Amino acid sequence: MPARLFLSSGDLIADRRYEFARDLQLKGDLVAAADLLEQAIELAPAFVSAWFTLGEIRQQLGEREAAIAAFRKAWEADASDPHGASLKLMRLGAEQLSAMPPAYVRTLFDQYAPRFDRALIDDLGYRGPSVLFKAVLAARHAVKKPAFFKRAIDLGCGTGLAASAFAREVDHFTGIDLSPGMIEKAKAIGLYAELEVNDMLAGLRARPEACADLVLAADAMVYVSDLIPVLTEIRRVLAAGGLLAFTLERNSGEGVIIGEGLRYAHSAHYVRNSLMAAGLALSQLEEQSFRNENNMPVPGLVVVAAKS
């Protein structure tokens, strides 16, 4: 994963105490680290990175209420929430599940961009694009149609791993990603006719009806809590007979949760209902892992749906 986000307090002494606290945290001396962070916050009361790290340490120490208070302070200090304090509060049950802060996603992937492919493939065994490719081939074979598409939209395109997997089957690729750093990486592979820095929902809404034959979202819907608005726009931009293929992290319940890695996990039941609400016909829903965490397969879903 990318290096920890650090936003300076503007106070050199407070910043130094934060760095000392982080060293102590990494060494396991959590009580001393918390004490230093509180000293830093006393010097700079709106020190968002210190508040966020203090929340993590309080959580590690099992001090739930103190962790919640610290994460709230971090969120109040910067309402755009680039650290994802609101997501931590959701995990702790102190906030209702809601949409992910765009600033958090953008910051996360801008930091991640320089080593994204290596980290994802080598460290996490990522195989989302190849899994989607096989699923799309199977879906087209089932209806006796060739797996060739004139126009495709790659949502949350990242560095272009999905476009690379589908390059021979697509004439015209459009990539949409919230991270400018990822878009710069995607430009370098030369597979996209168009690239756009945008939220996936806003990017879809700006496009005309029936402008795509295929929409892909490889490891992107895990940053979307409510799938229905995105699926509804995907149906609008798909031509008749067009396909949507995407991956999700799976939870065994009925709805949506936010996992330890601050990514949403959706149930199969929820996905079926969301596709139905959006007017898309489910072609395939398979339980399959497409990445690892801590050397263990992450439970996943591979989904293919069609516009009739």
Protein backbone atom coordinates (compact mmCIF):
# COMPACT_ATOMS: atom_id res chain seq x y z
CA MET A 1 0.00 0.00 0.00
CA PRO A 2 1.07 3.63 -0.43
CA ALA A 3 2.96 5.55 2.21
CA ARG A 4 0.87 6.98 5.02
CA LEU A 5 -0.67 10.34 4.20
CA PHE A 6 0.90 13.15 6.21
CA LEU A 7 -0.49 16.68 6.22
CA SER A 8 1.74 19.14 8.07
CA SER A 9 0.29 21.07 10.98
CA GLY A 10 2.29 24.13 10.03
CA ASP A 11 4.08 23.90 13.39
CA LEU A 12 7.58 22.40 13.12
CA ILE A 13 7.65 21.15 16.72
CA ALA A 14 4.21 19.54 16.40
CA ASP A 15 5.26 17.85 13.16
CA ARG A 16 8.40 16.48 14.82
CA ARG A 17 6.41 15.07 17.72
CA TYR A 18 4.11 13.42 15.22
CA GLU A 19 7.08 11.74 13.51
CA PHE A 20 8.47 10.55 16.84
CA ALA A 21 5.04 9.22 17.73
CA ARG A 22 4.83 7.29 14.46
CA ASP A 23 8.22 5.70 15.17
CA LEU A 24 6.99 4.61 18.59
CA GLN A 25 3.74 3.29 17.11
CA LEU A 26 5.64 1.17 14.61
CA LYS A 27 7.82 -0.18 17.45
CA GLY A 28 4.71 -1.12 19.42
CA ASP A 29 4.96 1.48 22.19
CA LEU A 30 1.40 2.68 21.72
CA VAL A 31 0.94 4.46 25.06
CA ALA A 32 4.04 6.61 24.57
CA ALA A 33 3.01 7.29 20.95
CA ALA A 34 -0.43 8.47 22.06
CA ASP A 35 1.15 10.76 24.64
CA LEU A 36 3.36 12.40 22.00
CA LEU A 37 0.42 12.82 19.63
CA GLU A 38 -1.56 14.56 22.34
CA GLN A 39 1.39 16.91 22.87
CA ALA A 40 1.45 17.62 19.13
CA ILE A 41 -2.30 18.31 19.12
CA GLU A 42 -1.91 20.67 22.09
CA LEU A 43 0.51 22.71 19.96
CA ALA A 44 -1.66 22.45 16.80
CA PRO A 45 -5.32 21.72 17.68
CA ALA A 46 -6.36 21.25 14.02
CA PHE A 47 -3.53 18.80 13.24
CA VAL A 48 -5.59 16.35 11.16
CA SER A 49 -2.86 13.70 10.67
CA ALA A 50 -2.17 13.62 14.41
CA TRP A 51 -5.85 13.26 15.28
CA PHE A 52 -6.27 10.45 12.74
CA THR A 53 -3.20 8.55 13.96
CA LEU A 54 -4.30 9.02 17.56
CA GLY A 55 -7.64 7.46 16.61
CA GLU A 56 -5.87 4.44 15.15
CA ILE A 57 -3.76 4.02 18.27
CA ARG A 58 -6.74 4.35 20.60
CA GLN A 59 -8.46 1.69 18.51
CA GLN A 60 -5.39 -0.56 18.75
CA LEU A 61 -5.47 -0.10 22.53
CA GLY A 62 -9.13 -1.13 22.63
CA GLU A 63 -10.28 2.34 23.66
CA ARG A 64 -13.31 2.57 21.38
CA GLU A 65 -14.86 5.81 22.65
CA ALA A 66 -11.51 7.62 22.65
CA ALA A 67 -10.86 6.35 19.11
CA ILE A 68 -14.25 7.64 17.96
CA ALA A 69 -13.56 11.04 19.52
CA ALA A 70 -10.17 11.29 17.78
CA PHE A 71 -11.51 10.27 14.39
CA ARG A 72 -14.30 12.85 14.73
CA LYS A 73 -11.71 15.53 15.46
CA ALA A 74 -9.76 14.48 12.36
CA TRP A 75 -12.91 14.73 10.23
CA GLU A 76 -13.79 18.12 11.73
CA ALA A 77 -10.26 19.39 11.08
CA ASP A 78 -10.63 18.63 7.35
CA ALA A 79 -14.18 18.07 6.11
CA SER A 80 -12.91 16.71 2.76
CA ASP A 81 -11.57 13.79 4.83
CA PRO A 82 -8.48 12.73 2.85
CA HIS A 83 -7.45 10.30 5.62
CA GLY A 84 -10.82 8.51 5.62
CA ALA A 85 -11.72 9.26 9.25
CA SER A 86 -15.42 8.96 8.39
CA LEU A 87 -14.78 5.43 7.12
CA LYS A 88 -13.11 4.52 10.39
CA LEU A 89 -16.20 5.83 12.19
CA MET A 90 -18.39 3.64 9.98
CA ARG A 91 -16.24 0.63 10.89
CA LEU A 92 -16.67 1.46 14.57
CA GLY A 93 -20.43 1.76 14.18
CA ALA A 94 -20.37 5.45 15.07
CA GLU A 95 -21.64 6.59 11.64
CA GLN A 96 -24.15 5.15 9.20
CA LEU A 97 -22.74 3.50 6.08
CA SER A 98 -22.46 6.15 3.37
CA ALA A 99 -20.50 7.12 0.28
CA MET A 100 -16.72 7.19 0.35
CA PRO A 101 -15.14 10.69 0.51
CA PRO A 102 -13.80 11.51 -2.98
CA ALA A 103 -10.75 13.21 -1.44
CA TYR A 104 -9.86 9.98 0.33
CA VAL A 105 -10.07 7.88 -2.84
CA ARG A 106 -8.20 10.46 -4.92
CA THR A 107 -5.42 10.85 -2.36
CA LEU A 108 -5.11 7.10 -1.82
CA PHE A 109 -4.62 6.34 -5.51
CA ASP A 110 -2.49 9.37 -6.31
CA GLN A 111 -0.10 8.07 -3.66
CA TYR A 112 -0.45 4.51 -4.93
CA ALA A 113 0.05 5.29 -8.64
CA PRO A 114 3.89 5.09 -8.85
CA ARG A 115 3.96 1.47 -7.65
CA PHE A 116 0.38 0.38 -8.25
CA ASP A 117 0.88 -2.42 -10.78
CA ARG A 118 3.82 -3.97 -8.96
CA ALA A 119 2.12 -3.85 -5.56
CA LEU A 120 -1.21 -5.14 -6.82
CA ILE A 121 0.09 -8.00 -8.93
CA ASP A 122 3.22 -9.03 -7.02
CA ASP A 123 2.12 -8.33 -3.45
CA LEU A 124 -1.63 -9.01 -3.64
CA GLY A 125 -1.80 -11.57 -6.44
CA TYR A 126 -4.33 -9.40 -8.26
CA ARG A 127 -6.14 -11.17 -11.10
CA GLY A 128 -9.29 -9.10 -11.57
CA PRO A 129 -8.87 -8.27 -15.29
CA SER A 130 -8.18 -11.88 -16.31
CA VAL A 131 -11.14 -13.07 -14.22
CA LEU A 132 -13.40 -10.51 -15.92
CA PHE A 133 -12.08 -11.44 -19.35
CA LYS A 134 -12.95 -15.10 -18.84
CA ALA A 135 -16.39 -14.16 -17.50
CA VAL A 136 -17.15 -11.96 -20.51
CA LEU A 137 -15.99 -14.67 -22.93
CA ALA A 138 -18.29 -17.16 -21.20
CA ALA A 139 -21.25 -14.76 -21.27
CA ARG A 140 -20.84 -14.10 -24.99
CA HIS A 141 -20.37 -17.79 -25.75
CA ALA A 142 -23.60 -18.57 -23.89
CA VAL A 143 -25.59 -16.34 -26.28
CA LYS A 144 -23.53 -17.41 -29.31
CA LYS A 145 -22.06 -13.95 -29.93
CA PRO A 146 -18.42 -12.99 -30.54
CA ALA A 147 -16.56 -11.34 -27.69
CA PHE A 148 -15.76 -8.24 -29.70
CA PHE A 149 -16.83 -4.72 -28.73
CA LYS A 150 -16.58 -1.50 -30.69
CA ARG A 151 -16.78 0.83 -27.67
CA ALA A 152 -15.94 0.12 -24.04
CA ILE A 153 -15.86 2.20 -20.87
CA ASP A 154 -13.40 1.25 -18.12
CA LEU A 155 -14.65 2.62 -14.78
CA GLY A 156 -11.97 3.22 -12.16
CA CYS A 157 -9.50 2.41 -14.92
CA GLY A 158 -6.40 2.89 -12.76
CA THR A 159 -3.22 2.27 -14.73
CA GLY A 160 -5.02 0.34 -17.47
CA LEU A 161 -4.79 -3.28 -16.37
CA ALA A 162 -8.33 -4.07 -17.56
CA ALA A 163 -7.76 -2.37 -20.92
CA SER A 164 -4.62 -4.46 -21.36
CA ALA A 165 -6.61 -7.66 -20.77
CA PHE A 166 -9.32 -6.66 -23.28
CA ALA A 167 -7.15 -4.76 -25.80
CA ARG A 168 -7.67 -7.19 -28.70
CA GLU A 169 -11.44 -7.32 -28.20
CA VAL A 170 -12.16 -3.58 -28.03
CA ASP A 171 -11.82 -0.96 -30.78
CA HIS A 172 -12.29 2.19 -28.69
CA PHE A 173 -11.54 2.35 -24.94
CA THR A 174 -12.62 5.20 -22.64
CA GLY A 175 -11.10 5.28 -19.16
CA ILE A 176 -12.55 7.14 -16.18
CA ASP A 177 -10.73 7.47 -12.86
CA LEU A 178 -10.89 9.88 -9.94
CA SER A 179 -7.10 9.92 -9.52
CA PRO A 180 -5.04 12.20 -11.81
CA GLY A 181 -1.98 10.12 -10.93
CA MET A 182 -3.64 6.97 -12.22
CA ILE A 183 -4.81 8.69 -15.39
CA GLU A 184 -1.24 9.76 -16.12
CA LYS A 185 -0.12 6.15 -15.80
CA ALA A 186 -2.98 4.99 -18.05
CA LYS A 187 -1.96 7.46 -20.75
CA ALA A 188 1.46 5.84 -20.96
CA ILE A 189 0.16 2.44 -22.13
CA GLY A 190 -1.50 3.94 -25.22
CA LEU A 191 -4.66 1.78 -25.16
CA TYR A 192 -7.24 4.45 -24.38
CA ALA A 193 -8.79 6.66 -27.02
CA GLU A 194 -10.16 8.85 -24.20
CA LEU A 195 -9.20 9.34 -20.56
CA GLU A 196 -11.08 11.42 -18.02
CA VAL A 197 -10.37 12.41 -14.42
CA ASN A 198 -13.78 12.04 -12.80
CA ASP A 199 -15.93 10.18 -10.34
CA MET A 200 -17.43 7.18 -12.10
CA LEU A 201 -21.03 8.31 -11.62
CA ALA A 202 -20.37 11.86 -12.85
CA GLY A 203 -18.34 10.51 -15.75
CA LEU A 204 -21.18 8.24 -16.83
CA ARG A 205 -23.78 10.98 -16.52
CA ALA A 206 -21.79 13.15 -18.94
CA ARG A 207 -21.98 10.50 -21.66
CA PRO A 208 -24.78 10.02 -24.23
CA GLU A 209 -27.21 7.13 -24.21
CA ALA A 210 -26.22 3.84 -25.84
CA CYS A 211 -22.61 4.97 -26.35
CA ALA A 212 -20.94 1.74 -25.16
CA ASP A 213 -21.11 -1.97 -25.90
CA LEU A 214 -19.13 -2.98 -22.82
CA VAL A 215 -18.59 -1.43 -19.39
CA LEU A 216 -15.88 -2.79 -17.10
CA ALA A 217 -15.20 -2.08 -13.43
CA ALA A 218 -12.29 -4.15 -12.17
CA ASP A 219 -11.81 -3.68 -8.42
CA ALA A 220 -13.59 -0.31 -8.62
CA MET A 221 -17.09 -0.98 -7.25
CA VAL A 222 -15.46 -1.80 -3.89
CA TYR A 223 -15.32 1.98 -3.41
CA VAL A 224 -19.07 2.38 -4.07
CA SER A 225 -21.54 1.72 -1.24
CA ASP A 226 -24.85 2.16 -3.11
CA LEU A 227 -24.56 0.39 -6.46
CA ILE A 228 -27.97 1.34 -7.87
CA PRO A 229 -27.18 4.89 -9.12
CA VAL A 230 -24.05 3.67 -10.92
CA LEU A 231 -25.80 0.60 -12.36
CA THR A 232 -28.69 2.76 -13.57
CA GLU A 233 -26.31 5.05 -15.46
CA ILE A 234 -24.45 2.06 -16.87
CA ARG A 235 -27.72 0.71 -18.27
CA ARG A 236 -28.38 4.10 -19.89
CA VAL A 237 -24.99 4.27 -21.62
CA LEU A 238 -25.05 0.64 -22.77
CA ALA A 239 -26.37 -0.16 -26.22
CA ALA A 240 -28.98 -2.92 -26.50
CA GLY A 241 -27.28 -6.24 -25.89
CA GLY A 242 -24.31 -4.55 -24.24
CA LEU A 243 -22.52 -6.09 -21.26
CA LEU A 244 -21.41 -4.91 -17.85
CA ALA A 245 -18.69 -6.89 -16.05
CA PHE A 246 -17.36 -6.04 -12.61
CA THR A 247 -15.79 -7.46 -9.47
CA LEU A 248 -16.76 -6.94 -5.84
CA GLU A 249 -15.60 -8.01 -2.44
CA ARG A 250 -18.21 -10.31 -0.91
CA ASN A 251 -19.83 -10.41 2.48
CA SER A 252 -22.04 -13.32 3.54
CA GLY A 253 -24.88 -11.18 4.89
CA GLU A 254 -27.73 -9.45 3.10
CA GLY A 255 -26.45 -5.94 2.42
CA VAL A 256 -23.26 -3.88 2.34
CA ILE A 257 -20.53 -3.53 4.94
CA ILE A 258 -17.22 -1.70 5.09
CA GLY A 259 -14.29 -4.01 5.65
CA GLU A 260 -11.09 -3.66 7.62
CA GLY A 261 -9.30 -2.38 4.52
CA LEU A 262 -11.87 0.43 4.18
CA ARG A 263 -13.42 -1.10 1.07
CA TYR A 264 -17.10 -1.99 0.74
CA ALA A 265 -18.14 -5.64 0.63
CA HIS A 266 -21.50 -6.45 -1.00
CA SER A 267 -23.64 -9.53 -0.60
CA ALA A 268 -24.81 -11.58 -3.57
CA HIS A 269 -28.40 -10.89 -2.51
CA TYR A 270 -27.77 -7.15 -2.59
CA VAL A 271 -26.12 -7.35 -6.03
CA ARG A 272 -29.04 -9.28 -7.54
CA ASN A 273 -31.56 -6.79 -6.19
CA SER A 274 -29.49 -3.81 -7.34
CA LEU A 275 -29.18 -5.15 -10.88
CA MET A 276 -32.91 -5.77 -10.99
CA ALA A 277 -33.64 -2.25 -9.73
CA ALA A 278 -31.39 -0.81 -12.42
CA GLY A 279 -33.05 -2.83 -15.18
CA LEU A 280 -30.06 -5.03 -16.00
CA ALA A 281 -30.35 -8.78 -16.62
CA LEU A 282 -27.93 -10.91 -14.61
CA SER A 283 -25.87 -13.22 -16.82
CA GLN A 284 -23.36 -14.50 -14.28
CA LEU A 285 -22.72 -14.10 -10.56
CA GLU A 286 -19.92 -16.27 -9.28
CA GLU A 287 -18.13 -16.41 -5.95
CA GLN A 288 -14.48 -16.05 -6.85
CA SER A 289 -11.49 -14.35 -5.28
CA PHE A 290 -9.52 -11.93 -7.44
CA ARG A 291 -6.93 -10.66 -4.91
CA ASN A 292 -5.21 -11.64 -1.66
CA GLU A 293 -4.78 -9.92 1.68
CA ASN A 294 -2.23 -11.20 4.22
CA ASN A 295 -1.56 -14.09 1.83
CA MET A 296 -5.19 -15.22 1.97
CA PRO A 297 -7.76 -15.04 -0.85
CA VAL A 298 -10.28 -12.24 -0.31
CA PRO A 299 -13.88 -13.48 -0.81
CA GLY A 300 -15.13 -11.91 -4.04
CA LEU A 301 -17.90 -11.80 -6.59
CA VAL A 302 -17.57 -11.72 -10.37
CA VAL A 303 -20.64 -10.26 -12.03
CA VAL A 304 -21.73 -10.03 -15.65
CA ALA A 305 -25.04 -8.40 -16.62
CA ALA A 306 -26.65 -7.40 -19.90
CA LYS A 307 -28.92 -4.68 -21.23
CA SER A 308 -31.75 -6.40 -23.05
